[in-house]
Every structure is written in structure tokens, then in C-alpha cells.
All heavy atoms as atom14 arrays in JSON, in Angstrom:
{
  "sequence": "VAVIAKATGADVLPVAICCDGKIEAGKKVVVSYGKLIKNTDMGLDRD",
  "atom14_mask": [
    [1, 1, 1, 1, 1, 1, 1, 0, 0, 0, 0, 0, 0, 0],
    [1, 1, 1, 1, 1, 0, 0, 0, 0, 0, 0, 0, 0, 0],
    [1, 1, 1, 1, 1, 1, 1, 0, 0, 0, 0, 0, 0, 0],
    [1, 1, 1, 1, 1, 1, 1, 1, 0, 0, 0, 0, 0, 0],
    [1, 1, 1, 1, 1, 0, 0, 0, 0, 0, 0, 0, 0, 0],
    [1, 1, 1, 1, 1, 1, 1, 1, 1, 0, 0, 0, 0, 0],
    [1, 1, 1, 1, 1, 0, 0, 0, 0, 0, 0, 0, 0, 0],
    [1, 1, 1, 1, 1, 1, 1, 0, 0, 0, 0, 0, 0, 0],
    [1, 1, 1, 1, 0, 0, 0, 0, 0, 0, 0, 0, 0, 0],
    [1, 1, 1, 1, 1, 0, 0, 0, 0, 0, 0, 0, 0, 0],
    [1, 1, 1, 1, 1, 1, 1, 1, 0, 0, 0, 0, 0, 0],
    [1, 1, 1, 1, 1, 1, 1, 0, 0, 0, 0, 0, 0, 0],
    [1, 1, 1, 1, 1, 1, 1, 1, 0, 0, 0, 0, 0, 0],
    [1, 1, 1, 1, 1, 1, 1, 0, 0, 0, 0, 0, 0, 0],
    [1, 1, 1, 1, 1, 1, 1, 0, 0, 0, 0, 0, 0, 0],
    [1, 1, 1, 1, 1, 0, 0, 0, 0, 0, 0, 0, 0, 0],
    [1, 1, 1, 1, 1, 1, 1, 1, 0, 0, 0, 0, 0, 0],
    [1, 1, 1, 1, 1, 1, 0, 0, 0, 0, 0, 0, 0, 0],
    [1, 1, 1, 1, 1, 1, 0, 0, 0, 0, 0, 0, 0, 0],
    [1, 1, 1, 1, 1, 1, 1, 1, 0, 0, 0, 0, 0, 0],
    [1, 1, 1, 1, 0, 0, 0, 0, 0, 0, 0, 0, 0, 0],
    [1, 1, 1, 1, 1, 1, 1, 1, 1, 0, 0, 0, 0, 0],
    [1, 1, 1, 1, 1, 1, 1, 1, 0, 0, 0, 0, 0, 0],
    [1, 1, 1, 1, 1, 1, 1, 1, 1, 0, 0, 0, 0, 0],
    [1, 1, 1, 1, 1, 0, 0, 0, 0, 0, 0, 0, 0, 0],
    [1, 1, 1, 1, 0, 0, 0, 0, 0, 0, 0, 0, 0, 0],
    [1, 1, 1, 1, 1, 1, 1, 1, 1, 0, 0, 0, 0, 0],
    [1, 1, 1, 1, 1, 1, 1, 1, 1, 0, 0, 0, 0, 0],
    [1, 1, 1, 1, 1, 1, 1, 0, 0, 0, 0, 0, 0, 0],
    [1, 1, 1, 1, 1, 1, 1, 0, 0, 0, 0, 0, 0, 0],
    [1, 1, 1, 1, 1, 1, 1, 0, 0, 0, 0, 0, 0, 0],
    [1, 1, 1, 1, 1, 1, 0, 0, 0, 0, 0, 0, 0, 0],
    [1, 1, 1, 1, 1, 1, 1, 1, 1, 1, 1, 1, 0, 0],
    [1, 1, 1, 1, 0, 0, 0, 0, 0, 0, 0, 0, 0, 0],
    [1, 1, 1, 1, 1, 1, 1, 1, 1, 0, 0, 0, 0, 0],
    [1, 1, 1, 1, 1, 1, 1, 1, 0, 0, 0, 0, 0, 0],
    [1, 1, 1, 1, 1, 1, 1, 1, 0, 0, 0, 0, 0, 0],
    [1, 1, 1, 1, 1, 1, 1, 1, 1, 0, 0, 0, 0, 0],
    [1, 1, 1, 1, 1, 1, 1, 1, 0, 0, 0, 0, 0, 0],
    [1, 1, 1, 1, 1, 1, 1, 0, 0, 0, 0, 0, 0, 0],
    [1, 1, 1, 1, 1, 1, 1, 1, 0, 0, 0, 0, 0, 0],
    [1, 1, 1, 1, 1, 1, 1, 1, 0, 0, 0, 0, 0, 0],
    [1, 1, 1, 1, 0, 0, 0, 0, 0, 0, 0, 0, 0, 0],
    [1, 1, 1, 1, 1, 1, 1, 1, 0, 0, 0, 0, 0, 0],
    [1, 1, 1, 1, 1, 1, 1, 1, 0, 0, 0, 0, 0, 0],
    [1, 1, 1, 1, 1, 1, 1, 1, 1, 1, 1, 0, 0, 0],
    [1, 1, 1, 1, 1, 1, 1, 1, 0, 0, 0, 0, 0, 0]
  ],
  "atom14_positions": [
    [[100.76, 101.82, 81.68], [101.51, 102.22, 82.87], [102.94, 102.58, 82.52], [103.48, 103.56, 83.07], [101.48, 101.06, 83.95], [102.15, 99.8, 83.41], [102.16, 101.52, 85.22], [0.0, 0.0, 0.0], [0.0, 0.0, 0.0], [0.0, 0.0, 0.0], [0.0, 0.0, 0.0], [0.0, 0.0, 0.0], [0.0, 0.0, 0.0], [0.0, 0.0, 0.0]],
    [[103.54, 101.87, 81.58], [104.91, 102.16, 81.17], [104.98, 103.41, 80.3], [105.93, 104.18, 80.39], [105.51, 100.97, 80.42], [0.0, 0.0, 0.0], [0.0, 0.0, 0.0], [0.0, 0.0, 0.0], [0.0, 0.0, 0.0], [0.0, 0.0, 0.0], [0.0, 0.0, 0.0], [0.0, 0.0, 0.0], [0.0, 0.0, 0.0], [0.0, 0.0, 0.0]],
    [[103.95, 103.64, 79.47], [103.93, 104.82, 78.6], [103.91, 106.07, 79.47], [104.64, 107.04, 79.23], [102.67, 104.79, 77.7], [102.5, 106.13, 76.98], [102.81, 103.66, 76.65], [0.0, 0.0, 0.0], [0.0, 0.0, 0.0], [0.0, 0.0, 0.0], [0.0, 0.0, 0.0], [0.0, 0.0, 0.0], [0.0, 0.0, 0.0], [0.0, 0.0, 0.0]],
    [[103.06, 106.1, 80.51], [102.94, 107.26, 81.37], [104.21, 107.41, 82.22], [104.73, 108.52, 82.43], [101.73, 107.14, 82.3], [100.43, 107.16, 81.44], [101.69, 108.28, 83.32], [99.18, 106.9, 82.24], [0.0, 0.0, 0.0], [0.0, 0.0, 0.0], [0.0, 0.0, 0.0], [0.0, 0.0, 0.0], [0.0, 0.0, 0.0], [0.0, 0.0, 0.0]],
    [[104.77, 106.31, 82.7], [106.01, 106.35, 83.48], [107.15, 106.91, 82.64], [107.98, 107.71, 83.11], [106.34, 104.97, 84.02], [0.0, 0.0, 0.0], [0.0, 0.0, 0.0], [0.0, 0.0, 0.0], [0.0, 0.0, 0.0], [0.0, 0.0, 0.0], [0.0, 0.0, 0.0], [0.0, 0.0, 0.0], [0.0, 0.0, 0.0], [0.0, 0.0, 0.0]],
    [[107.21, 106.5, 81.4], [108.27, 106.97, 80.49], [108.11, 108.46, 80.24], [109.08, 109.24, 80.29], [108.18, 106.21, 79.16], [109.0, 106.81, 78.03], [110.47, 106.95, 78.34], [111.22, 107.56, 77.14], [112.64, 107.84, 77.51], [0.0, 0.0, 0.0], [0.0, 0.0, 0.0], [0.0, 0.0, 0.0], [0.0, 0.0, 0.0], [0.0, 0.0, 0.0]],
    [[106.91, 108.92, 79.98], [106.67, 110.31, 79.64], [106.88, 111.28, 80.78], [107.21, 112.45, 80.59], [105.25, 110.49, 79.11], [0.0, 0.0, 0.0], [0.0, 0.0, 0.0], [0.0, 0.0, 0.0], [0.0, 0.0, 0.0], [0.0, 0.0, 0.0], [0.0, 0.0, 0.0], [0.0, 0.0, 0.0], [0.0, 0.0, 0.0], [0.0, 0.0, 0.0]],
    [[106.76, 110.77, 82.02], [106.85, 111.62, 83.2], [108.12, 111.41, 84.02], [108.41, 112.2, 84.92], [105.64, 111.42, 84.1], [105.6, 110.04, 84.52], [104.35, 111.76, 83.39], [0.0, 0.0, 0.0], [0.0, 0.0, 0.0], [0.0, 0.0, 0.0], [0.0, 0.0, 0.0], [0.0, 0.0, 0.0], [0.0, 0.0, 0.0], [0.0, 0.0, 0.0]],
    [[108.76, 110.27, 83.81], [109.91, 109.94, 84.67], [109.49, 109.4, 86.01], [110.29, 109.31, 86.95], [0.0, 0.0, 0.0], [0.0, 0.0, 0.0], [0.0, 0.0, 0.0], [0.0, 0.0, 0.0], [0.0, 0.0, 0.0], [0.0, 0.0, 0.0], [0.0, 0.0, 0.0], [0.0, 0.0, 0.0], [0.0, 0.0, 0.0], [0.0, 0.0, 0.0]],
    [[108.2, 109.06, 86.14], [107.65, 108.6, 87.43], [108.07, 107.18, 87.76], [108.28, 106.35, 86.87], [106.12, 108.69, 87.38], [0.0, 0.0, 0.0], [0.0, 0.0, 0.0], [0.0, 0.0, 0.0], [0.0, 0.0, 0.0], [0.0, 0.0, 0.0], [0.0, 0.0, 0.0], [0.0, 0.0, 0.0], [0.0, 0.0, 0.0], [0.0, 0.0, 0.0]],
    [[108.21, 106.93, 89.05], [108.41, 105.56, 89.52], [107.05, 104.89, 89.63], [106.03, 105.52, 89.46], [109.11, 105.58, 90.9], [110.46, 106.32, 90.85], [111.14, 106.2, 89.83], [110.79, 107.01, 91.83], [0.0, 0.0, 0.0], [0.0, 0.0, 0.0], [0.0, 0.0, 0.0], [0.0, 0.0, 0.0], [0.0, 0.0, 0.0], [0.0, 0.0, 0.0]],
    [[107.04, 103.6, 89.97], [105.78, 102.86, 90.09], [105.73, 102.11, 91.41], [106.67, 101.39, 91.78], [105.59, 101.86, 88.92], [104.32, 101.06, 89.08], [105.56, 102.59, 87.58], [0.0, 0.0, 0.0], [0.0, 0.0, 0.0], [0.0, 0.0, 0.0], [0.0, 0.0, 0.0], [0.0, 0.0, 0.0], [0.0, 0.0, 0.0], [0.0, 0.0, 0.0]],
    [[104.62, 102.27, 92.09], [104.39, 101.53, 93.34], [103.42, 100.37, 93.06], [102.24, 100.6, 92.82], [103.77, 102.44, 94.42], [103.53, 101.79, 95.79], [104.84, 101.55, 96.51], [102.6, 102.66, 96.66], [0.0, 0.0, 0.0], [0.0, 0.0, 0.0], [0.0, 0.0, 0.0], [0.0, 0.0, 0.0], [0.0, 0.0, 0.0], [0.0, 0.0, 0.0]],
    [[103.92, 99.13, 93.07], [103.07, 97.99, 92.79], [102.19, 97.62, 94.03], [102.71, 97.64, 95.16], [104.04, 96.87, 92.49], [105.27, 97.21, 93.3], [105.32, 98.71, 93.3], [0.0, 0.0, 0.0], [0.0, 0.0, 0.0], [0.0, 0.0, 0.0], [0.0, 0.0, 0.0], [0.0, 0.0, 0.0], [0.0, 0.0, 0.0], [0.0, 0.0, 0.0]],
    [[100.91, 97.37, 93.79], [100.02, 97.03, 94.87], [99.17, 95.83, 94.44], [98.61, 95.82, 93.35], [99.11, 98.21, 95.23], [98.17, 97.81, 96.41], [99.89, 99.45, 95.59], [0.0, 0.0, 0.0], [0.0, 0.0, 0.0], [0.0, 0.0, 0.0], [0.0, 0.0, 0.0], [0.0, 0.0, 0.0], [0.0, 0.0, 0.0], [0.0, 0.0, 0.0]],
    [[99.09, 94.84, 95.31], [98.27, 93.64, 95.01], [97.1, 93.58, 95.95], [97.24, 93.72, 97.18], [99.13, 92.38, 95.12], [0.0, 0.0, 0.0], [0.0, 0.0, 0.0], [0.0, 0.0, 0.0], [0.0, 0.0, 0.0], [0.0, 0.0, 0.0], [0.0, 0.0, 0.0], [0.0, 0.0, 0.0], [0.0, 0.0, 0.0], [0.0, 0.0, 0.0]],
    [[95.92, 93.33, 95.41], [94.72, 93.07, 96.19], [94.44, 91.56, 96.09], [94.36, 91.01, 95.0], [93.52, 93.86, 95.64], [93.81, 95.37, 95.71], [92.23, 93.53, 96.41], [92.75, 96.23, 95.08], [0.0, 0.0, 0.0], [0.0, 0.0, 0.0], [0.0, 0.0, 0.0], [0.0, 0.0, 0.0], [0.0, 0.0, 0.0], [0.0, 0.0, 0.0]],
    [[94.3, 90.94, 97.24], [94.11, 89.5, 97.23], [92.99, 89.07, 98.16], [92.86, 89.6, 99.26], [95.43, 88.81, 97.63], [95.36, 87.01, 97.46], [0.0, 0.0, 0.0], [0.0, 0.0, 0.0], [0.0, 0.0, 0.0], [0.0, 0.0, 0.0], [0.0, 0.0, 0.0], [0.0, 0.0, 0.0], [0.0, 0.0, 0.0], [0.0, 0.0, 0.0]],
    [[92.16, 88.15, 97.66], [91.06, 87.6, 98.44], [90.96, 86.14, 98.06], [91.24, 85.76, 96.93], [89.76, 88.35, 98.15], [88.32, 87.78, 99.04], [0.0, 0.0, 0.0], [0.0, 0.0, 0.0], [0.0, 0.0, 0.0], [0.0, 0.0, 0.0], [0.0, 0.0, 0.0], [0.0, 0.0, 0.0], [0.0, 0.0, 0.0], [0.0, 0.0, 0.0]],
    [[90.54, 85.31, 99.01], [90.37, 83.89, 98.71], [89.02, 83.72, 97.94], [87.97, 83.61, 98.52], [90.34, 83.08, 100.0], [90.32, 81.59, 99.73], [90.5, 81.2, 98.56], [90.15, 80.82, 100.68], [0.0, 0.0, 0.0], [0.0, 0.0, 0.0], [0.0, 0.0, 0.0], [0.0, 0.0, 0.0], [0.0, 0.0, 0.0], [0.0, 0.0, 0.0]],
    [[89.15, 83.75, 96.6], [87.96, 83.69, 95.78], [87.46, 85.07, 95.44], [88.16, 86.06, 95.57], [0.0, 0.0, 0.0], [0.0, 0.0, 0.0], [0.0, 0.0, 0.0], [0.0, 0.0, 0.0], [0.0, 0.0, 0.0], [0.0, 0.0, 0.0], [0.0, 0.0, 0.0], [0.0, 0.0, 0.0], [0.0, 0.0, 0.0], [0.0, 0.0, 0.0]],
    [[86.2, 85.16, 95.03], [85.59, 86.43, 94.68], [85.47, 87.37, 95.87], [85.14, 86.93, 96.96], [84.18, 86.17, 94.07], [83.51, 87.42, 93.56], [82.15, 87.08, 92.97], [81.43, 88.35, 92.49], [80.09, 88.01, 91.92], [0.0, 0.0, 0.0], [0.0, 0.0, 0.0], [0.0, 0.0, 0.0], [0.0, 0.0, 0.0], [0.0, 0.0, 0.0]],
    [[85.76, 88.64, 95.65], [85.66, 89.6, 96.74], [84.18, 89.85, 97.07], [83.4, 90.24, 96.21], [86.33, 90.94, 96.35], [87.83, 90.74, 96.26], [86.01, 92.05, 97.35], [88.61, 91.96, 95.84], [0.0, 0.0, 0.0], [0.0, 0.0, 0.0], [0.0, 0.0, 0.0], [0.0, 0.0, 0.0], [0.0, 0.0, 0.0], [0.0, 0.0, 0.0]],
    [[83.83, 89.6, 98.33], [82.45, 89.79, 98.8], [82.48, 90.31, 100.22], [83.48, 90.13, 100.96], [81.69, 88.44, 98.76], [81.52, 87.84, 97.39], [80.89, 86.5, 97.4], [81.03, 85.81, 98.45], [80.27, 86.1, 96.41], [0.0, 0.0, 0.0], [0.0, 0.0, 0.0], [0.0, 0.0, 0.0], [0.0, 0.0, 0.0], [0.0, 0.0, 0.0]],
    [[81.39, 90.95, 100.62], [81.28, 91.44, 101.99], [81.47, 90.29, 102.98], [80.97, 89.2, 102.78], [79.91, 92.1, 102.19], [0.0, 0.0, 0.0], [0.0, 0.0, 0.0], [0.0, 0.0, 0.0], [0.0, 0.0, 0.0], [0.0, 0.0, 0.0], [0.0, 0.0, 0.0], [0.0, 0.0, 0.0], [0.0, 0.0, 0.0], [0.0, 0.0, 0.0]],
    [[82.22, 90.58, 104.05], [82.45, 89.57, 105.06], [83.73, 88.77, 104.85], [84.18, 88.07, 105.78], [0.0, 0.0, 0.0], [0.0, 0.0, 0.0], [0.0, 0.0, 0.0], [0.0, 0.0, 0.0], [0.0, 0.0, 0.0], [0.0, 0.0, 0.0], [0.0, 0.0, 0.0], [0.0, 0.0, 0.0], [0.0, 0.0, 0.0], [0.0, 0.0, 0.0]],
    [[84.33, 88.86, 103.67], [85.53, 88.1, 103.39], [86.76, 88.97, 103.66], [86.74, 90.18, 103.59], [85.55, 87.61, 101.94], [84.42, 86.63, 101.65], [84.46, 86.11, 100.24], [85.67, 85.22, 99.98], [85.59, 84.61, 98.63], [0.0, 0.0, 0.0], [0.0, 0.0, 0.0], [0.0, 0.0, 0.0], [0.0, 0.0, 0.0], [0.0, 0.0, 0.0]],
    [[87.86, 88.31, 103.96], [89.12, 89.01, 104.23], [89.74, 89.44, 102.93], [89.85, 88.68, 101.96], [90.07, 88.1, 104.98], [91.41, 88.77, 105.34], [92.26, 87.81, 106.14], [93.59, 88.5, 106.51], [94.45, 87.55, 107.3], [0.0, 0.0, 0.0], [0.0, 0.0, 0.0], [0.0, 0.0, 0.0], [0.0, 0.0, 0.0], [0.0, 0.0, 0.0]],
    [[90.17, 90.7, 102.88], [90.82, 91.25, 101.69], [92.16, 91.84, 102.14], [92.21, 92.67, 103.04], [89.99, 92.36, 101.02], [90.76, 92.96, 99.85], [88.65, 91.81, 100.57], [0.0, 0.0, 0.0], [0.0, 0.0, 0.0], [0.0, 0.0, 0.0], [0.0, 0.0, 0.0], [0.0, 0.0, 0.0], [0.0, 0.0, 0.0], [0.0, 0.0, 0.0]],
    [[93.24, 91.35, 101.57], [94.57, 91.84, 101.87], [95.04, 92.79, 100.78], [94.95, 92.47, 99.57], [95.61, 90.69, 102.01], [97.0, 91.24, 102.22], [95.21, 89.8, 103.18], [0.0, 0.0, 0.0], [0.0, 0.0, 0.0], [0.0, 0.0, 0.0], [0.0, 0.0, 0.0], [0.0, 0.0, 0.0], [0.0, 0.0, 0.0], [0.0, 0.0, 0.0]],
    [[95.54, 93.95, 101.15], [96.14, 94.89, 100.21], [97.62, 94.97, 100.55], [97.97, 95.39, 101.68], [95.49, 96.29, 100.31], [96.13, 97.22, 99.28], [93.98, 96.18, 100.07], [0.0, 0.0, 0.0], [0.0, 0.0, 0.0], [0.0, 0.0, 0.0], [0.0, 0.0, 0.0], [0.0, 0.0, 0.0], [0.0, 0.0, 0.0], [0.0, 0.0, 0.0]],
    [[98.45, 94.57, 99.61], [99.89, 94.52, 99.87], [100.62, 95.51, 98.99], [100.54, 95.45, 97.76], [100.42, 93.1, 99.58], [101.8, 93.01, 99.81], [0.0, 0.0, 0.0], [0.0, 0.0, 0.0], [0.0, 0.0, 0.0], [0.0, 0.0, 0.0], [0.0, 0.0, 0.0], [0.0, 0.0, 0.0], [0.0, 0.0, 0.0], [0.0, 0.0, 0.0]],
    [[101.35, 96.45, 99.61], [102.08, 97.47, 98.93], [103.54, 97.05, 98.79], [104.21, 96.78, 99.8], [102.01, 98.81, 99.7], [100.61, 99.29, 99.95], [99.84, 98.74, 101.0], [100.02, 100.28, 99.16], [98.54, 99.18, 101.22], [98.72, 100.71, 99.4], [98.0, 100.14, 100.42], [96.7, 100.58, 100.68], [0.0, 0.0, 0.0], [0.0, 0.0, 0.0]],
    [[104.0, 96.94, 97.56], [105.35, 96.49, 97.3], [106.38, 97.62, 97.31], [106.06, 98.79, 97.54], [0.0, 0.0, 0.0], [0.0, 0.0, 0.0], [0.0, 0.0, 0.0], [0.0, 0.0, 0.0], [0.0, 0.0, 0.0], [0.0, 0.0, 0.0], [0.0, 0.0, 0.0], [0.0, 0.0, 0.0], [0.0, 0.0, 0.0], [0.0, 0.0, 0.0]],
    [[107.63, 97.27, 97.06], [108.68, 98.27, 97.02], [108.59, 99.08, 95.73], [108.24, 98.56, 94.68], [110.05, 97.59, 97.14], [110.28, 96.95, 98.48], [111.68, 96.38, 98.59], [111.93, 95.74, 99.98], [111.75, 96.72, 101.05], [0.0, 0.0, 0.0], [0.0, 0.0, 0.0], [0.0, 0.0, 0.0], [0.0, 0.0, 0.0], [0.0, 0.0, 0.0]],
    [[108.89, 100.34, 95.84], [108.82, 101.25, 94.69], [109.78, 100.77, 93.58], [110.93, 100.47, 93.85], [109.22, 102.66, 95.12], [108.83, 103.83, 94.22], [107.3, 104.01, 94.22], [109.52, 105.11, 94.69], [0.0, 0.0, 0.0], [0.0, 0.0, 0.0], [0.0, 0.0, 0.0], [0.0, 0.0, 0.0], [0.0, 0.0, 0.0], [0.0, 0.0, 0.0]],
    [[109.24, 100.72, 92.36], [110.06, 100.34, 91.18], [110.56, 101.65, 90.55], [109.75, 102.43, 90.04], [109.27, 99.5, 90.19], [108.67, 98.29, 90.85], [110.17, 99.09, 89.03], [107.73, 97.5, 89.95], [0.0, 0.0, 0.0], [0.0, 0.0, 0.0], [0.0, 0.0, 0.0], [0.0, 0.0, 0.0], [0.0, 0.0, 0.0], [0.0, 0.0, 0.0]],
    [[111.85, 101.85, 90.58], [112.4, 103.09, 90.04], [112.27, 103.13, 88.52], [112.34, 102.1, 87.82], [113.87, 103.22, 90.43], [114.11, 103.35, 91.93], [113.6, 104.71, 92.42], [113.97, 104.95, 93.88], [113.48, 106.27, 94.36], [0.0, 0.0, 0.0], [0.0, 0.0, 0.0], [0.0, 0.0, 0.0], [0.0, 0.0, 0.0], [0.0, 0.0, 0.0]],
    [[112.1, 104.33, 88.01], [111.99, 104.49, 86.58], [113.19, 103.97, 85.82], [113.1, 103.35, 84.79], [111.82, 106.01, 86.29], [111.32, 106.29, 84.89], [112.15, 106.37, 83.95], [110.06, 106.46, 84.69], [0.0, 0.0, 0.0], [0.0, 0.0, 0.0], [0.0, 0.0, 0.0], [0.0, 0.0, 0.0], [0.0, 0.0, 0.0], [0.0, 0.0, 0.0]],
    [[114.36, 104.14, 86.46], [115.63, 103.67, 85.86], [115.69, 102.13, 85.86], [116.25, 101.54, 84.92], [116.84, 104.23, 86.61], [116.68, 103.98, 88.01], [116.96, 105.73, 86.4], [0.0, 0.0, 0.0], [0.0, 0.0, 0.0], [0.0, 0.0, 0.0], [0.0, 0.0, 0.0], [0.0, 0.0, 0.0], [0.0, 0.0, 0.0], [0.0, 0.0, 0.0]],
    [[115.13, 101.51, 86.91], [115.13, 100.05, 86.95], [114.25, 99.45, 85.86], [114.5, 98.32, 85.42], [114.62, 99.57, 88.33], [115.57, 99.91, 89.45], [116.79, 100.13, 89.15], [115.16, 99.99, 90.62], [0.0, 0.0, 0.0], [0.0, 0.0, 0.0], [0.0, 0.0, 0.0], [0.0, 0.0, 0.0], [0.0, 0.0, 0.0], [0.0, 0.0, 0.0]],
    [[113.26, 100.2, 85.43], [112.42, 99.74, 84.33], [113.04, 100.04, 82.98], [112.52, 99.66, 81.93], [111.03, 100.41, 84.42], [110.18, 99.95, 85.59], [108.52, 100.72, 85.61], [108.94, 102.38, 86.19], [0.0, 0.0, 0.0], [0.0, 0.0, 0.0], [0.0, 0.0, 0.0], [0.0, 0.0, 0.0], [0.0, 0.0, 0.0], [0.0, 0.0, 0.0]],
    [[114.19, 100.72, 82.99], [114.89, 101.06, 81.75], [114.2, 102.16, 80.97], [114.43, 102.29, 79.75], [0.0, 0.0, 0.0], [0.0, 0.0, 0.0], [0.0, 0.0, 0.0], [0.0, 0.0, 0.0], [0.0, 0.0, 0.0], [0.0, 0.0, 0.0], [0.0, 0.0, 0.0], [0.0, 0.0, 0.0], [0.0, 0.0, 0.0], [0.0, 0.0, 0.0]],
    [[113.39, 102.97, 81.65], [112.62, 103.99, 80.92], [113.32, 105.34, 80.87], [112.77, 106.3, 80.35], [111.25, 104.16, 81.61], [110.34, 102.91, 81.57], [109.08, 103.19, 82.36], [110.01, 102.52, 80.15], [0.0, 0.0, 0.0], [0.0, 0.0, 0.0], [0.0, 0.0, 0.0], [0.0, 0.0, 0.0], [0.0, 0.0, 0.0], [0.0, 0.0, 0.0]],
    [[114.55, 105.39, 81.36], [115.31, 106.65, 81.31], [116.12, 106.8, 80.01], [116.8, 107.8, 79.83], [116.24, 106.75, 82.51], [117.19, 105.56, 82.63], [116.79, 104.45, 82.17], [118.3, 105.71, 83.15], [0.0, 0.0, 0.0], [0.0, 0.0, 0.0], [0.0, 0.0, 0.0], [0.0, 0.0, 0.0], [0.0, 0.0, 0.0], [0.0, 0.0, 0.0]],
    [[116.0, 105.81, 79.14], [116.72, 105.89, 77.86], [115.88, 106.58, 76.81], [114.64, 106.57, 76.85], [117.06, 104.49, 77.36], [117.92, 103.71, 78.35], [118.43, 102.38, 77.78], [117.85, 101.99, 76.52], [117.04, 100.94, 76.36], [116.64, 100.27, 77.39], [116.6, 100.63, 75.16], [0.0, 0.0, 0.0], [0.0, 0.0, 0.0], [0.0, 0.0, 0.0]],
    [[116.54, 107.18, 75.83], [115.82, 107.89, 74.75], [115.45, 106.95, 73.59], [114.51, 107.2, 72.88], [116.68, 109.03, 74.21], [116.88, 110.13, 75.26], [115.95, 110.34, 76.07], [117.96, 110.74, 75.24], [0.0, 0.0, 0.0], [0.0, 0.0, 0.0], [0.0, 0.0, 0.0], [0.0, 0.0, 0.0], [0.0, 0.0, 0.0], [0.0, 0.0, 0.0]]
  ]
}
């Protein structure tokens, strides 16, 4: 993920998938989208 972000200057959107135990039909699944991590915040704008 960092190699591609470095090569493209792209930011990264972190996303977490969470379920209480193994993901199965009928169970609740939460998808949480975090704040965008800037390429510069990852320190990938340096040569």
C-alpha cells in the first residue's frame, strides 16, 4: 500500500470491516470509513 502511494502520490482511505466473530449470513457487519491519510502525513513526499 505504501509502495503504490509513494509511486503515485495518492492518499489512503482506511476502512475497517468488523463483525462479532466470523462473518456469516444473518450477522451484523459494520464498515467504518476513516479520515483520509494524506500522502504527506505518511512522509511519502520525500525523495
